[in-house]
Amino acid sequence: MPLYTITTQAGVLINEAKAKLADQLTTLHIDYSGVPKNWVHIVFQDYAVGSGFTAGHPAATAALTVIIRTGRSPEYKRELLTRLWQLLQTATGAPDDQIVIGIQELPGSQAMEMGKIMPDVASQ
């Protein structure tokens, strides 16, 4: 169920870098959460040079959003954020002030995977 969306300025991540980051994110998520590998989805989006801003100034801002099922502890999410930050910063070379990462949560009952409603985290 995790759906990662990584948004970067065009040219920051070439296809090989995207593939490497996708592999690292997949490995991190399955090792950390225990979900099956085929549940991890990653989508990259590029925006045009001049279309990214930080503090009102043009910047190659890098953003990562992950949608996960509700039910993980605050500690779990803080650790996940820390690990994701390290991977995204290494991949993009972006300074701290040009990276933003967020976790969005939804109940398993509001997501489908492989044609089936997802189970709650607690019932796995």
PDB file of N, CA and C in Angstrom:
ATOM      1  N   MET A   1       0.799  -1.205   0.000  1.00  0.00           N
ATOM      2  CA  MET A   1       0.000   0.000   0.000  1.00  0.00           C
ATOM      3  C   MET A   1       0.832   1.255   0.000  1.00  0.00           C
ATOM      4  N   PRO A   2       2.014   1.255   0.549  1.00  0.00           N
ATOM      5  CA  PRO A   2       2.687   2.551   0.543  1.00  0.00           C
ATOM      6  C   PRO A   2       2.815   3.078  -0.884  1.00  0.00           C
ATOM      7  N   LEU A   3       2.476   4.342  -1.041  1.00  0.00           N
ATOM      8  CA  LEU A   3       2.630   5.024  -2.324  1.00  0.00           C
ATOM      9  C   LEU A   3       3.530   6.226  -2.097  1.00  0.00           C
ATOM     10  N   TYR A   4       4.712   6.161  -2.668  1.00  0.00           N
ATOM     11  CA  TYR A   4       5.686   7.242  -2.571  1.00  0.00           C
ATOM     12  C   TYR A   4       5.584   8.107  -3.814  1.00  0.00           C
ATOM     13  N   THR A   5       5.535   9.416  -3.627  1.00  0.00           N
ATOM     14  CA  THR A   5       5.607  10.364  -4.729  1.00  0.00           C
ATOM     15  C   THR A   5       6.800  11.267  -4.459  1.00  0.00           C
ATOM     16  N   ILE A   6       7.754  11.252  -5.387  1.00  0.00           N
ATOM     17  CA  ILE A   6       8.958  12.072  -5.267  1.00  0.00           C
ATOM     18  C   ILE A   6       8.900  13.127  -6.357  1.00  0.00           C
ATOM     19  N   THR A   7       8.979  14.376  -5.961  1.00  0.00           N
ATOM     20  CA  THR A   7       8.894  15.494  -6.897  1.00  0.00           C
ATOM     21  C   THR A   7      10.203  16.270  -6.844  1.00  0.00           C
ATOM     22  N   THR A   8      10.844  16.401  -8.012  1.00  0.00           N
ATOM     23  CA  THR A   8      12.108  17.125  -8.107  1.00  0.00           C
ATOM     24  C   THR A   8      12.124  17.963  -9.374  1.00  0.00           C
ATOM     25  N   GLN A   9      13.028  18.923  -9.387  1.00  0.00           N
ATOM     26  CA  GLN A   9      13.247  19.727 -10.584  1.00  0.00           C
ATOM     27  C   GLN A   9      13.789  18.834 -11.694  1.00  0.00           C
ATOM     28  N   ALA A  10      13.356  19.069 -12.919  1.00  0.00           N
ATOM     29  CA  ALA A  10      13.819  18.287 -14.059  1.00  0.00           C
ATOM     30  C   ALA A  10      15.342  18.279 -14.107  1.00  0.00           C
ATOM     31  N   GLY A  11      15.901  17.100 -14.299  1.00  0.00           N
ATOM     32  CA  GLY A  11      17.347  16.955 -14.419  1.00  0.00           C
ATOM     33  C   GLY A  11      18.068  16.655 -13.120  1.00  0.00           C
ATOM     34  N   VAL A  12      17.399  16.831 -11.978  1.00  0.00           N
ATOM     35  CA  VAL A  12      18.050  16.544 -10.695  1.00  0.00           C
ATOM     36  C   VAL A  12      18.307  15.045 -10.560  1.00  0.00           C
ATOM     37  N   LEU A  13      17.325  14.240 -10.935  1.00  0.00           N
ATOM     38  CA  LEU A  13      17.464  12.791 -10.878  1.00  0.00           C
ATOM     39  C   LEU A  13      17.338  12.208 -12.283  1.00  0.00           C
ATOM     40  N   ILE A  14      18.422  11.680 -12.805  1.00  0.00           N
ATOM     41  CA  ILE A  14      18.351  10.995 -14.098  1.00  0.00           C
ATOM     42  C   ILE A  14      17.687   9.635 -13.871  1.00  0.00           C
ATOM     43  N   ASN A  15      17.325   8.961 -14.944  1.00  0.00           N
ATOM     44  CA  ASN A  15      16.591   7.700 -14.826  1.00  0.00           C
ATOM     45  C   ASN A  15      17.312   6.673 -13.956  1.00  0.00           C
ATOM     46  N   GLU A  16      18.628   6.588 -14.075  1.00  0.00           N
ATOM     47  CA  GLU A  16      19.383   5.629 -13.272  1.00  0.00           C
ATOM     48  C   GLU A  16      19.308   5.985 -11.790  1.00  0.00           C
ATOM     49  N   ALA A  17      19.342   7.267 -11.476  1.00  0.00           N
ATOM     50  CA  ALA A  17      19.237   7.709 -10.082  1.00  0.00           C
ATOM     51  C   ALA A  17      17.832   7.435  -9.537  1.00  0.00           C
ATOM     52  N   LYS A  18      16.819   7.605 -10.375  1.00  0.00           N
ATOM     53  CA  LYS A  18      15.459   7.295  -9.961  1.00  0.00           C
ATOM     54  C   LYS A  18      15.317   5.807  -9.654  1.00  0.00           C
ATOM     55  N   ALA A  19      15.870   4.974 -10.531  1.00  0.00           N
ATOM     56  CA  ALA A  19      15.799   3.529 -10.314  1.00  0.00           C
ATOM     57  C   ALA A  19      16.514   3.129  -9.026  1.00  0.00           C
ATOM     58  N   LYS A  20      17.666   3.730  -8.772  1.00  0.00           N
ATOM     59  CA  LYS A  20      18.414   3.427  -7.552  1.00  0.00           C
ATOM     60  C   LYS A  20      17.628   3.865  -6.316  1.00  0.00           C
ATOM     61  N   LEU A  21      17.066   5.077  -6.349  1.00  0.00           N
ATOM     62  CA  LEU A  21      16.291   5.566  -5.219  1.00  0.00           C
ATOM     63  C   LEU A  21      15.041   4.707  -5.019  1.00  0.00           C
ATOM     64  N   ALA A  22      14.387   4.315  -6.083  1.00  0.00           N
ATOM     65  CA  ALA A  22      13.209   3.448  -5.980  1.00  0.00           C
ATOM     66  C   ALA A  22      13.571   2.123  -5.317  1.00  0.00           C
ATOM     67  N   ASP A  23      14.705   1.568  -5.690  1.00  0.00           N
ATOM     68  CA  ASP A  23      15.159   0.322  -5.075  1.00  0.00           C
ATOM     69  C   ASP A  23      15.437   0.519  -3.586  1.00  0.00           C
ATOM     70  N   GLN A  24      16.092   1.620  -3.253  1.00  0.00           N
ATOM     71  CA  GLN A  24      16.409   1.902  -1.847  1.00  0.00           C
ATOM     72  C   GLN A  24      15.140   2.131  -1.019  1.00  0.00           C
ATOM     73  N   LEU A  25      14.184   2.864  -1.575  1.00  0.00           N
ATOM     74  CA  LEU A  25      12.931   3.110  -0.865  1.00  0.00           C
ATOM     75  C   LEU A  25      12.152   1.812  -0.659  1.00  0.00           C
ATOM     76  N   THR A  26      12.127   0.976  -1.685  1.00  0.00           N
ATOM     77  CA  THR A  26      11.434  -0.309  -1.579  1.00  0.00           C
ATOM     78  C   THR A  26      12.067  -1.168  -0.495  1.00  0.00           C
ATOM     79  N   THR A  27      13.393  -1.272  -0.531  1.00  0.00           N
ATOM     80  CA  THR A  27      14.105  -2.068   0.470  1.00  0.00           C
ATOM     81  C   THR A  27      13.862  -1.524   1.867  1.00  0.00           C
ATOM     82  N   LEU A  28      13.969  -0.212   2.027  1.00  0.00           N
ATOM     83  CA  LEU A  28      13.712   0.408   3.327  1.00  0.00           C
ATOM     84  C   LEU A  28      12.315   0.055   3.819  1.00  0.00           C
ATOM     85  N   HIS A  29      11.336   0.220   2.956  1.00  0.00           N
ATOM     86  CA  HIS A  29       9.959   0.038   3.409  1.00  0.00           C
ATOM     87  C   HIS A  29       9.665  -1.421   3.767  1.00  0.00           C
ATOM     88  N   ILE A  30      10.119  -2.357   2.969  1.00  0.00           N
ATOM     89  CA  ILE A  30       9.822  -3.753   3.297  1.00  0.00           C
ATOM     90  C   ILE A  30      10.596  -4.208   4.538  1.00  0.00           C
ATOM     91  N   ASP A  31      11.822  -3.730   4.688  1.00  0.00           N
ATOM     92  CA  ASP A  31      12.595  -4.080   5.886  1.00  0.00           C
ATOM     93  C   ASP A  31      12.004  -3.448   7.136  1.00  0.00           C
ATOM     94  N   TYR A  32      11.544  -2.214   7.017  1.00  0.00           N
ATOM     95  CA  TYR A  32      11.075  -1.466   8.177  1.00  0.00           C
ATOM     96  C   TYR A  32       9.643  -1.830   8.566  1.00  0.00           C
ATOM     97  N   SER A  33       8.780  -2.040   7.575  1.00  0.00           N
ATOM     98  CA  SER A  33       7.365  -2.260   7.880  1.00  0.00           C
ATOM     99  C   SER A  33       6.938  -3.719   7.779  1.00  0.00           C
ATOM    100  N   GLY A  34       7.683  -4.501   7.031  1.00  0.00           N
ATOM    101  CA  GLY A  34       7.330  -5.905   6.867  1.00  0.00           C
ATOM    102  C   GLY A  34       6.264  -6.165   5.815  1.00  0.00           C
ATOM    103  N   VAL A  35       5.900  -5.159   5.030  1.00  0.00           N
ATOM    104  CA  VAL A  35       4.906  -5.392   3.977  1.00  0.00           C
ATOM    105  C   VAL A  35       5.567  -6.103   2.797  1.00  0.00           C
ATOM    106  N   PRO A  36       4.773  -6.807   2.000  1.00  0.00           N
ATOM    107  CA  PRO A  36       5.334  -7.459   0.813  1.00  0.00           C
ATOM    108  C   PRO A  36       5.902  -6.438  -0.173  1.00  0.00           C
ATOM    109  N   LYS A  37       6.935  -6.850  -0.870  1.00  0.00           N
ATOM    110  CA  LYS A  37       7.613  -5.958  -1.823  1.00  0.00           C
ATOM    111  C   LYS A  37       6.656  -5.404  -2.879  1.00  0.00           C
ATOM    112  N   ASN A  38       5.730  -6.236  -3.333  1.00  0.00           N
ATOM    113  CA  ASN A  38       4.827  -5.787  -4.402  1.00  0.00           C
ATOM    114  C   ASN A  38       3.762  -4.804  -3.908  1.00  0.00           C
ATOM    115  N   TRP A  39       3.754  -4.482  -2.626  1.00  0.00           N
ATOM    116  CA  TRP A  39       2.852  -3.457  -2.109  1.00  0.00           C
ATOM    117  C   TRP A  39       3.467  -2.067  -2.206  1.00  0.00           C
ATOM    118  N   VAL A  40       4.752  -1.964  -2.445  1.00  0.00           N
ATOM    119  CA  VAL A  40       5.441  -0.668  -2.441  1.00  0.00           C
ATOM    120  C   VAL A  40       5.405  -0.070  -3.852  1.00  0.00           C
ATOM    121  N   HIS A  41       4.846   1.133  -3.955  1.00  0.00           N
ATOM    122  CA  HIS A  41       4.718   1.827  -5.240  1.00  0.00           C
ATOM    123  C   HIS A  41       5.423   3.175  -5.151  1.00  0.00           C
ATOM    124  N   ILE A  42       6.106   3.537  -6.230  1.00  0.00           N
ATOM    125  CA  ILE A  42       6.880   4.775  -6.248  1.00  0.00           C
ATOM    126  C   ILE A  42       6.654   5.478  -7.581  1.00  0.00           C
ATOM    127  N   VAL A  43       6.343   6.770  -7.510  1.00  0.00           N
ATOM    128  CA  VAL A  43       6.114   7.566  -8.707  1.00  0.00           C
ATOM    129  C   VAL A  43       6.996   8.813  -8.615  1.00  0.00           C
ATOM    130  N   PHE A  44       7.706   9.097  -9.690  1.00  0.00           N
ATOM    131  CA  PHE A  44       8.534  10.300  -9.763  1.00  0.00           C
ATOM    132  C   PHE A  44       7.828  11.336 -10.625  1.00  0.00           C
ATOM    133  N   GLN A  45       7.871  12.576 -10.169  1.00  0.00           N
ATOM    134  CA  GLN A  45       7.338  13.691 -10.939  1.00  0.00           C
ATOM    135  C   GLN A  45       8.422  14.752 -11.034  1.00  0.00           C
ATOM    136  N   ASP A  46       8.611  15.290 -12.230  1.00  0.00           N
ATOM    137  CA  ASP A  46       9.584  16.358 -12.450  1.00  0.00           C
ATOM    138  C   ASP A  46       8.839  17.658 -12.747  1.00  0.00           C
ATOM    139  N   TYR A  47       9.396  18.757 -12.276  1.00  0.00           N
ATOM    140  CA  TYR A  47       8.831  20.062 -12.626  1.00  0.00           C
ATOM    141  C   TYR A  47       9.906  20.872 -13.349  1.00  0.00           C
ATOM    142  N   ALA A  48       9.481  21.813 -14.155  1.00  0.00           N
ATOM    143  CA  ALA A  48      10.394  22.614 -14.972  1.00  0.00           C
ATOM    144  C   ALA A  48      11.289  23.501 -14.115  1.00  0.00           C
ATOM    145  N   VAL A  49      12.505  23.730 -14.610  1.00  0.00           N
ATOM    146  CA  VAL A  49      13.409  24.677 -13.956  1.00  0.00           C
ATOM    147  C   VAL A  49      12.689  26.022 -13.855  1.00  0.00           C
ATOM    148  N   GLY A  50      12.769  26.636 -12.702  1.00  0.00           N
ATOM    149  CA  GLY A  50      12.083  27.906 -12.466  1.00  0.00           C
ATOM    150  C   GLY A  50      10.697  27.743 -11.877  1.00  0.00           C
ATOM    151  N   SER A  51      10.247  26.493 -11.707  1.00  0.00           N
ATOM    152  CA  SER A  51       8.914  26.249 -11.158  1.00  0.00           C
ATOM    153  C   SER A  51       8.944  25.778  -9.714  1.00  0.00           C
ATOM    154  N   GLY A  52      10.133  25.695  -9.112  1.00  0.00           N
ATOM    155  CA  GLY A  52      10.264  25.320  -7.711  1.00  0.00           C
ATOM    156  C   GLY A  52      10.755  26.500  -6.887  1.00  0.00           C
ATOM    157  N   PHE A  53      10.233  26.620  -5.669  1.00  0.00           N
ATOM    158  CA  PHE A  53      10.598  27.747  -4.806  1.00  0.00           C
ATOM    159  C   PHE A  53      10.746  27.288  -3.364  1.00  0.00           C
ATOM    160  N   THR A  54      11.657  27.898  -2.661  1.00  0.00           N
ATOM    161  CA  THR A  54      11.795  27.750  -1.220  1.00  0.00           C
ATOM    162  C   THR A  54      11.943  29.151  -0.646  1.00  0.00           C
ATOM    163  N   ALA A  55      11.163  29.470   0.358  1.00  0.00           N
ATOM    164  CA  ALA A  55      11.170  30.796   0.987  1.00  0.00           C
ATOM    165  C   ALA A  55      10.930  31.910  -0.038  1.00  0.00           C
ATOM    166  N   GLY A  56      10.134  31.601  -1.066  1.00  0.00           N
ATOM    167  CA  GLY A  56       9.788  32.602  -2.066  1.00  0.00           C
ATOM    168  C   GLY A  56      10.831  32.832  -3.136  1.00  0.00           C
ATOM    169  N   HIS A  57      11.906  32.040  -3.124  1.00  0.00           N
ATOM    170  CA  HIS A  57      12.981  32.195  -4.101  1.00  0.00           C
ATOM    171  C   HIS A  57      13.124  30.924  -4.932  1.00  0.00           C
ATOM    172  N   PRO A  58      13.466  31.068  -6.218  1.00  0.00           N
ATOM    173  CA  PRO A  58      13.649  29.882  -7.050  1.00  0.00           C
ATOM    174  C   PRO A  58      14.645  28.919  -6.413  1.00  0.00           C
ATOM    175  N   ALA A  59      14.282  27.630  -6.413  1.00  0.00           N
ATOM    176  CA  ALA A  59      15.135  26.607  -5.814  1.00  0.00           C
ATOM    177  C   ALA A  59      14.759  25.244  -6.380  1.00  0.00           C
ATOM    178  N   ALA A  60      15.711  24.353  -6.367  1.00  0.00           N
ATOM    179  CA  ALA A  60      15.472  22.975  -6.810  1.00  0.00           C
ATOM    180  C   ALA A  60      14.927  22.160  -5.642  1.00  0.00           C
ATOM    181  N   THR A  61      13.793  22.582  -5.132  1.00  0.00           N
ATOM    182  CA  THR A  61      13.167  21.937  -3.981  1.00  0.00           C
ATOM    183  C   THR A  61      12.823  20.486  -4.298  1.00  0.00           C
ATOM    184  N   ALA A  62      13.114  19.599  -3.355  1.00  0.00           N
ATOM    185  CA  ALA A  62      12.806  18.173  -3.497  1.00  0.00           C
ATOM    186  C   ALA A  62      11.739  17.815  -2.467  1.00  0.00           C
ATOM    187  N   ALA A  63      10.694  17.133  -2.916  1.00  0.00           N
ATOM    188  CA  ALA A  63       9.605  16.763  -2.021  1.00  0.00           C
ATOM    189  C   ALA A  63       9.321  15.279  -2.124  1.00  0.00           C
ATOM    190  N   LEU A  64       9.008  14.677  -0.992  1.00  0.00           N
ATOM    191  CA  LEU A  64       8.628  13.273  -0.946  1.00  0.00           C
ATOM    192  C   LEU A  64       7.396  13.162  -0.063  1.00  0.00           C
ATOM    193  N   THR A  65       6.367  12.540  -0.597  1.00  0.00           N
ATOM    194  CA  THR A  65       5.157  12.259   0.163  1.00  0.00           C
ATOM    195  C   THR A  65       4.926  10.764   0.106  1.00  0.00           C
ATOM    196  N   VAL A  66       4.597  10.173   1.244  1.00  0.00           N
ATOM    197  CA  VAL A  66       4.262   8.750   1.265  1.00  0.00           C
ATOM    198  C   VAL A  66       2.899   8.578   1.920  1.00  0.00           C
ATOM    199  N   ILE A  67       2.057   7.788   1.278  1.00  0.00           N
ATOM    200  CA  ILE A  67       0.758   7.441   1.833  1.00  0.00           C
ATOM    201  C   ILE A  67       0.893   6.048   2.438  1.00  0.00           C
ATOM    202  N   ILE A  68       0.561   5.943   3.727  1.00  0.00           N
ATOM    203  CA  ILE A  68       0.603   4.655   4.412  1.00  0.00           C
ATOM    204  C   ILE A  68      -0.717   4.443   5.138  1.00  0.00           C
ATOM    205  N   ARG A  69      -0.950   3.216   5.555  1.00  0.00           N
ATOM    206  CA  ARG A  69      -2.153   2.922   6.326  1.00  0.00           C
ATOM    207  C   ARG A  69      -2.015   3.455   7.754  1.00  0.00           C
ATOM    208  N   THR A  70      -3.117   3.912   8.285  1.00  0.00           N
ATOM    209  CA  THR A  70      -3.181   4.382   9.661  1.00  0.00           C
ATOM    210  C   THR A  70      -2.871   3.225  10.608  1.00  0.00           C
ATOM    211  N   GLY A  71      -2.215   3.568  11.727  1.00  0.00           N
ATOM    212  CA  GLY A  71      -2.006   2.556  12.753  1.00  0.00           C
ATOM    213  C   GLY A  71      -0.573   2.432  13.231  1.00  0.00           C
ATOM    214  N   ARG A  72       0.331   3.155  12.613  1.00  0.00           N
ATOM    215  CA  ARG A  72       1.733   3.106  13.040  1.00  0.00           C
ATOM    216  C   ARG A  72       1.959   4.100  14.171  1.00  0.00           C
ATOM    217  N   SER A  73       2.885   3.771  15.045  1.00  0.00           N
ATOM    218  CA  SER A  73       3.171   4.624  16.199  1.00  0.00           C
ATOM    219  C   SER A  73       3.892   5.902  15.767  1.00  0.00           C
ATOM    220  N   PRO A  74       3.822   6.949  16.610  1.00  0.00           N
ATOM    221  CA  PRO A  74       4.574   8.170  16.324  1.00  0.00           C
ATOM    222  C   PRO A  74       6.080   7.893  16.189  1.00  0.00           C
ATOM    223  N   GLU A  75       6.604   7.000  17.008  1.00  0.00           N
ATOM    224  CA  GLU A  75       8.035   6.660  16.932  1.00  0.00           C
ATOM    225  C   GLU A  75       8.373   6.038  15.583  1.00  0.00           C
ATOM    226  N   TYR A  76       7.515   5.132  15.126  1.00  0.00           N
ATOM    227  CA  TYR A  76       7.697   4.495  13.822  1.00  0.00           C
ATOM    228  C   TYR A  76       7.775   5.559  12.732  1.00  0.00           C
ATOM    229  N   LYS A  77       6.842   6.505  12.766  1.00  0.00           N
ATOM    230  CA  LYS A  77       6.783   7.533  11.724  1.00  0.00           C
ATOM    231  C   LYS A  77       7.967   8.488  11.791  1.00  0.00           C
ATOM    232  N   ARG A  78       8.398   8.847  12.986  1.00  0.00           N
ATOM    233  CA  ARG A  78       9.580   9.717  13.110  1.00  0.00           C
ATOM    234  C   ARG A  78      10.822   9.022  12.549  1.00  0.00           C
ATOM    235  N   GLU A  79      10.999   7.760  12.867  1.00  0.00           N
ATOM    236  CA  GLU A  79      12.145   7.009  12.352  1.00  0.00           C
ATOM    237  C   GLU A  79      12.060   6.867  10.832  1.00  0.00           C
ATOM    238  N   LEU A  80      10.862   6.596  10.324  1.00  0.00           N
ATOM    239  CA  LEU A  80      10.680   6.503   8.874  1.00  0.00           C
ATOM    240  C   LEU A  80      11.043   7.822   8.201  1.00  0.00           C
ATOM    241  N   LEU A  81      10.565   8.935   8.755  1.00  0.00           N
ATOM    242  CA  LEU A  81      10.897  10.251   8.199  1.00  0.00           C
ATOM    243  C   LEU A  81      12.402  10.482   8.168  1.00  0.00           C
ATOM    244  N   THR A  82      13.089  10.138   9.241  1.00  0.00           N
ATOM    245  CA  THR A  82      14.539  10.323   9.318  1.00  0.00           C
ATOM    246  C   THR A  82      15.250   9.514   8.243  1.00  0.00           C
ATOM    247  N   ARG A  83      14.825   8.286   8.073  1.00  0.00           N
ATOM    248  CA  ARG A  83      15.449   7.426   7.054  1.00  0.00           C
ATOM    249  C   ARG A  83      15.157   7.923   5.644  1.00  0.00           C
ATOM    250  N   LEU A  84      13.928   8.354   5.424  1.00  0.00           N
ATOM    251  CA  LEU A  84      13.563   8.881   4.105  1.00  0.00           C
ATOM    252  C   LEU A  84      14.347  10.144   3.787  1.00  0.00           C
ATOM    253  N   TRP A  85      14.512  11.005   4.780  1.00  0.00           N
ATOM    254  CA  TRP A  85      15.282  12.237   4.592  1.00  0.00           C
ATOM    255  C   TRP A  85      16.686  11.903   4.100  1.00  0.00           C
ATOM    256  N   GLN A  86      17.326  10.973   4.757  1.00  0.00           N
ATOM    257  CA  GLN A  86      18.700  10.606   4.389  1.00  0.00           C
ATOM    258  C   GLN A  86      18.767  10.098   2.950  1.00  0.00           C
ATOM    259  N   LEU A  87      17.828   9.239   2.571  1.00  0.00           N
ATOM    260  CA  LEU A  87      17.831   8.709   1.203  1.00  0.00           C
ATOM    261  C   LEU A  87      17.587   9.808   0.175  1.00  0.00           C
ATOM    262  N   LEU A  88      16.603  10.678   0.433  1.00  0.00           N
ATOM    263  CA  LEU A  88      16.281  11.732  -0.529  1.00  0.00           C
ATOM    264  C   LEU A  88      17.418  12.742  -0.639  1.00  0.00           C
ATOM    265  N   GLN A  89      18.008  13.101   0.483  1.00  0.00           N
ATOM    266  CA  GLN A  89      19.100  14.070   0.440  1.00  0.00           C
ATOM    267  C   GLN A  89      20.316  13.505  -0.287  1.00  0.00           C
ATOM    268  N   THR A  90      20.630  12.260  -0.042  1.00  0.00           N
ATOM    269  CA  THR A  90      21.752  11.628  -0.739  1.00  0.00           C
ATOM    270  C   THR A  90      21.491  11.559  -2.240  1.00  0.00           C
ATOM    271  N   ALA A  91      20.278  11.209  -2.613  1.00  0.00           N
ATOM    272  CA  ALA A  91      19.944  11.070  -4.038  1.00  0.00           C
ATOM    273  C   ALA A  91      19.933  12.400  -4.774  1.00  0.00           C
ATOM    274  N   THR A  92      19.444  13.459  -4.122  1.00  0.00           N
ATOM    275  CA  THR A  92      19.270  14.737  -4.816  1.00  0.00           C
ATOM    276  C   THR A  92      20.397  15.733  -4.563  1.00  0.00           C
ATOM    277  N   GLY A  93      21.096  15.578  -3.447  1.00  0.00           N
ATOM    278  CA  GLY A  93      22.107  16.558  -3.072  1.00  0.00           C
ATOM    279  C   GLY A  93      21.517  17.867  -2.591  1.00  0.00           C
ATOM    280  N   ALA A  94      20.217  17.890  -2.352  1.00  0.00           N
ATOM    281  CA  ALA A  94      19.539  19.130  -1.925  1.00  0.00           C
ATOM    282  C   ALA A  94      19.925  19.490  -0.495  1.00  0.00           C
ATOM    283  N   PRO A  95      20.086  20.785  -0.234  1.00  0.00           N
ATOM    284  CA  PRO A  95      20.349  21.213   1.146  1.00  0.00           C
ATOM    285  C   PRO A  95      19.089  21.045   1.997  1.00  0.00           C
ATOM    286  N   ASP A  96      19.278  21.053   3.314  1.00  0.00           N
ATOM    287  CA  ASP A  96      18.163  20.856   4.242  1.00  0.00           C
ATOM    288  C   ASP A  96      16.996  21.797   3.992  1.00  0.00           C
ATOM    289  N   ASP A  97      17.282  23.036   3.639  1.00  0.00           N
ATOM    290  CA  ASP A  97      16.199  23.999   3.469  1.00  0.00           C
ATOM    291  C   ASP A  97      15.434  23.839   2.160  1.00  0.00           C
ATOM    292  N   GLN A  98      15.829  22.868   1.336  1.00  0.00           N
ATOM    293  CA  GLN A  98      15.126  22.639   0.077  1.00  0.00           C
ATOM    294  C   GLN A  98      14.526  21.239  -0.013  1.00  0.00           C
ATOM    295  N   ILE A  99      14.357  20.596   1.136  1.00  0.00           N
ATOM    296  CA  ILE A  99      13.742  19.264   1.183  1.00  0.00           C
ATOM    297  C   ILE A  99      12.518  19.332   2.077  1.00  0.00           C
ATOM    298  N   VAL A 100      11.447  18.696   1.639  1.00  0.00           N
ATOM    299  CA  VAL A 100      10.250  18.556   2.457  1.00  0.00           C
ATOM    300  C   VAL A 100       9.740  17.123   2.282  1.00  0.00           C
ATOM    301  N   ILE A 101       9.392  16.503   3.396  1.00  0.00           N
ATOM    302  CA  ILE A 101       8.889  15.131   3.391  1.00  0.00           C
ATOM    303  C   ILE A 101       7.645  15.078   4.259  1.00  0.00           C
ATOM    304  N   GLY A 102       6.638  14.370   3.804  1.00  0.00           N
ATOM    305  CA  GLY A 102       5.414  14.236   4.584  1.00  0.00           C
ATOM    306  C   GLY A 102       4.837  12.842   4.496  1.00  0.00           C
ATOM    307  N   ILE A 103       4.206  12.441   5.581  1.00  0.00           N
ATOM    308  CA  ILE A 103       3.489  11.169   5.643  1.00  0.00           C
ATOM    309  C   ILE A 103       1.997  11.483   5.674  1.00  0.00           C
ATOM    310  N   GLN A 104       1.267  10.829   4.791  1.00  0.00           N
ATOM    311  CA  GLN A 104      -0.192  10.910   4.814  1.00  0.00           C
ATOM    312  C   GLN A 104      -0.705   9.526   5.195  1.00  0.00           C
ATOM    313  N   GLU A 105      -1.732   9.489   6.023  1.00  0.00           N
ATOM    314  CA  GLU A 105      -2.267   8.215   6.472  1.00  0.00           C
ATOM    315  C   GLU A 105      -3.731   8.067   6.094  1.00  0.00           C
ATOM    316  N   LEU A 106      -4.122   6.814   5.842  1.00  0.00           N
ATOM    317  CA  LEU A 106      -5.523   6.517   5.625  1.00  0.00           C
ATOM    318  C   LEU A 106      -5.807   5.119   6.141  1.00  0.00           C
ATOM    319  N   PRO A 107      -7.038   4.885   6.576  1.00  0.00           N
ATOM    320  CA  PRO A 107      -7.380   3.552   7.062  1.00  0.00           C
ATOM    321  C   PRO A 107      -7.279   2.525   5.936  1.00  0.00           C
ATOM    322  N   GLY A 108      -6.921   1.308   6.286  1.00  0.00           N
ATOM    323  CA  GLY A 108      -6.854   0.241   5.283  1.00  0.00           C
ATOM    324  C   GLY A 108      -8.152   0.096   4.514  1.00  0.00           C
ATOM    325  N   SER A 109      -9.260   0.356   5.175  1.00  0.00           N
ATOM    326  CA  SER A 109     -10.578   0.226   4.536  1.00  0.00           C
ATOM    327  C   SER A 109     -10.800   1.236   3.418  1.00  0.00           C
ATOM    328  N   GLN A 110      -9.898   2.214   3.289  1.00  0.00           N
ATOM    329  CA  GLN A 110     -10.029   3.222   2.241  1.00  0.00           C
ATOM    330  C   GLN A 110      -8.975   3.069   1.156  1.00  0.00           C
ATOM    331  N   ALA A 111      -8.383   1.878   1.062  1.00  0.00           N
ATOM    332  CA  ALA A 111      -7.362   1.634   0.041  1.00  0.00           C
ATOM    333  C   ALA A 111      -7.535   0.236  -0.529  1.00  0.00           C
ATOM    334  N   MET A 112      -7.181   0.101  -1.800  1.00  0.00           N
ATOM    335  CA  MET A 112      -7.220  -1.217  -2.451  1.00  0.00           C
ATOM    336  C   MET A 112      -5.854  -1.535  -3.025  1.00  0.00           C
ATOM    337  N   GLU A 113      -5.523  -2.794  -2.974  1.00  0.00           N
ATOM    338  CA  GLU A 113      -4.270  -3.312  -3.538  1.00  0.00           C
ATOM    339  C   GLU A 113      -4.606  -4.636  -4.182  1.00  0.00           C
ATOM    340  N   MET A 114      -4.212  -4.814  -5.432  1.00  0.00           N
ATOM    341  CA  MET A 114      -4.456  -6.055  -6.163  1.00  0.00           C
ATOM    342  C   MET A 114      -5.931  -6.463  -6.130  1.00  0.00           C
ATOM    343  N   GLY A 115      -6.819  -5.459  -6.210  1.00  0.00           N
ATOM    344  CA  GLY A 115      -8.252  -5.711  -6.275  1.00  0.00           C
ATOM    345  C   GLY A 115      -8.917  -6.027  -4.953  1.00  0.00           C
ATOM    346  N   LYS A 116      -8.187  -5.865  -3.845  1.00  0.00           N
ATOM    347  CA  LYS A 116      -8.753  -6.181  -2.531  1.00  0.00           C
ATOM    348  C   LYS A 116      -8.596  -4.989  -1.593  1.00  0.00           C
ATOM    349  N   ILE A 117      -9.580  -4.829  -0.709  1.00  0.00           N
ATOM    350  CA  ILE A 117      -9.485  -3.799   0.320  1.00  0.00           C
ATOM    351  C   ILE A 117      -8.327  -4.169   1.231  1.00  0.00           C
ATOM    352  N   MET A 118      -7.510  -3.180   1.589  1.00  0.00           N
ATOM    353  CA  MET A 118      -6.330  -3.429   2.416  1.00  0.00           C
ATOM    354  C   MET A 118      -6.731  -3.747   3.860  1.00  0.00           C
ATOM    355  N   PRO A 119      -5.976  -4.611   4.516  1.00  0.00           N
ATOM    356  CA  PRO A 119      -6.240  -4.877   5.929  1.00  0.00           C
ATOM    357  C   PRO A 119      -5.739  -3.717   6.786  1.00  0.00           C
ATOM    358  N   ASP A 120      -6.279  -3.617   7.992  1.00  0.00           N
ATOM    359  CA  ASP A 120      -5.748  -2.654   8.943  1.00  0.00           C
ATOM    360  C   ASP A 120      -4.348  -3.082   9.358  1.00  0.00           C
ATOM    361  N   VAL A 121      -3.518  -2.141   9.739  1.00  0.00           N
ATOM    362  CA  VAL A 121      -2.165  -2.460  10.178  1.00  0.00           C
ATOM    363  C   VAL A 121      -2.190  -3.447  11.340  1.00  0.00           C
ATOM    364  N   ALA A 122      -3.072  -3.230  12.311  1.00  0.00           N
ATOM    365  CA  ALA A 122      -3.132  -4.076  13.508  1.00  0.00           C
ATOM    366  C   ALA A 122      -3.556  -5.505  13.202  1.00  0.00           C
ATOM    367  N   SER A 123      -4.273  -5.736  12.100  1.00  0.00           N
ATOM    368  CA  SER A 123      -4.767  -7.082  11.811  1.00  0.00           C
ATOM    369  C   SER A 123      -3.831  -7.882  10.920  1.00  0.00           C
ATOM    370  N   GLN A 124      -2.670  -7.354  10.621  1.00  0.00           N
ATOM    371  CA  GLN A 124      -1.713  -8.081   9.772  1.00  0.00           C
ATOM    372  C   GLN A 124      -1.054  -9.179  10.525  1.00  0.00           C
TER     373      GLN A 124
END
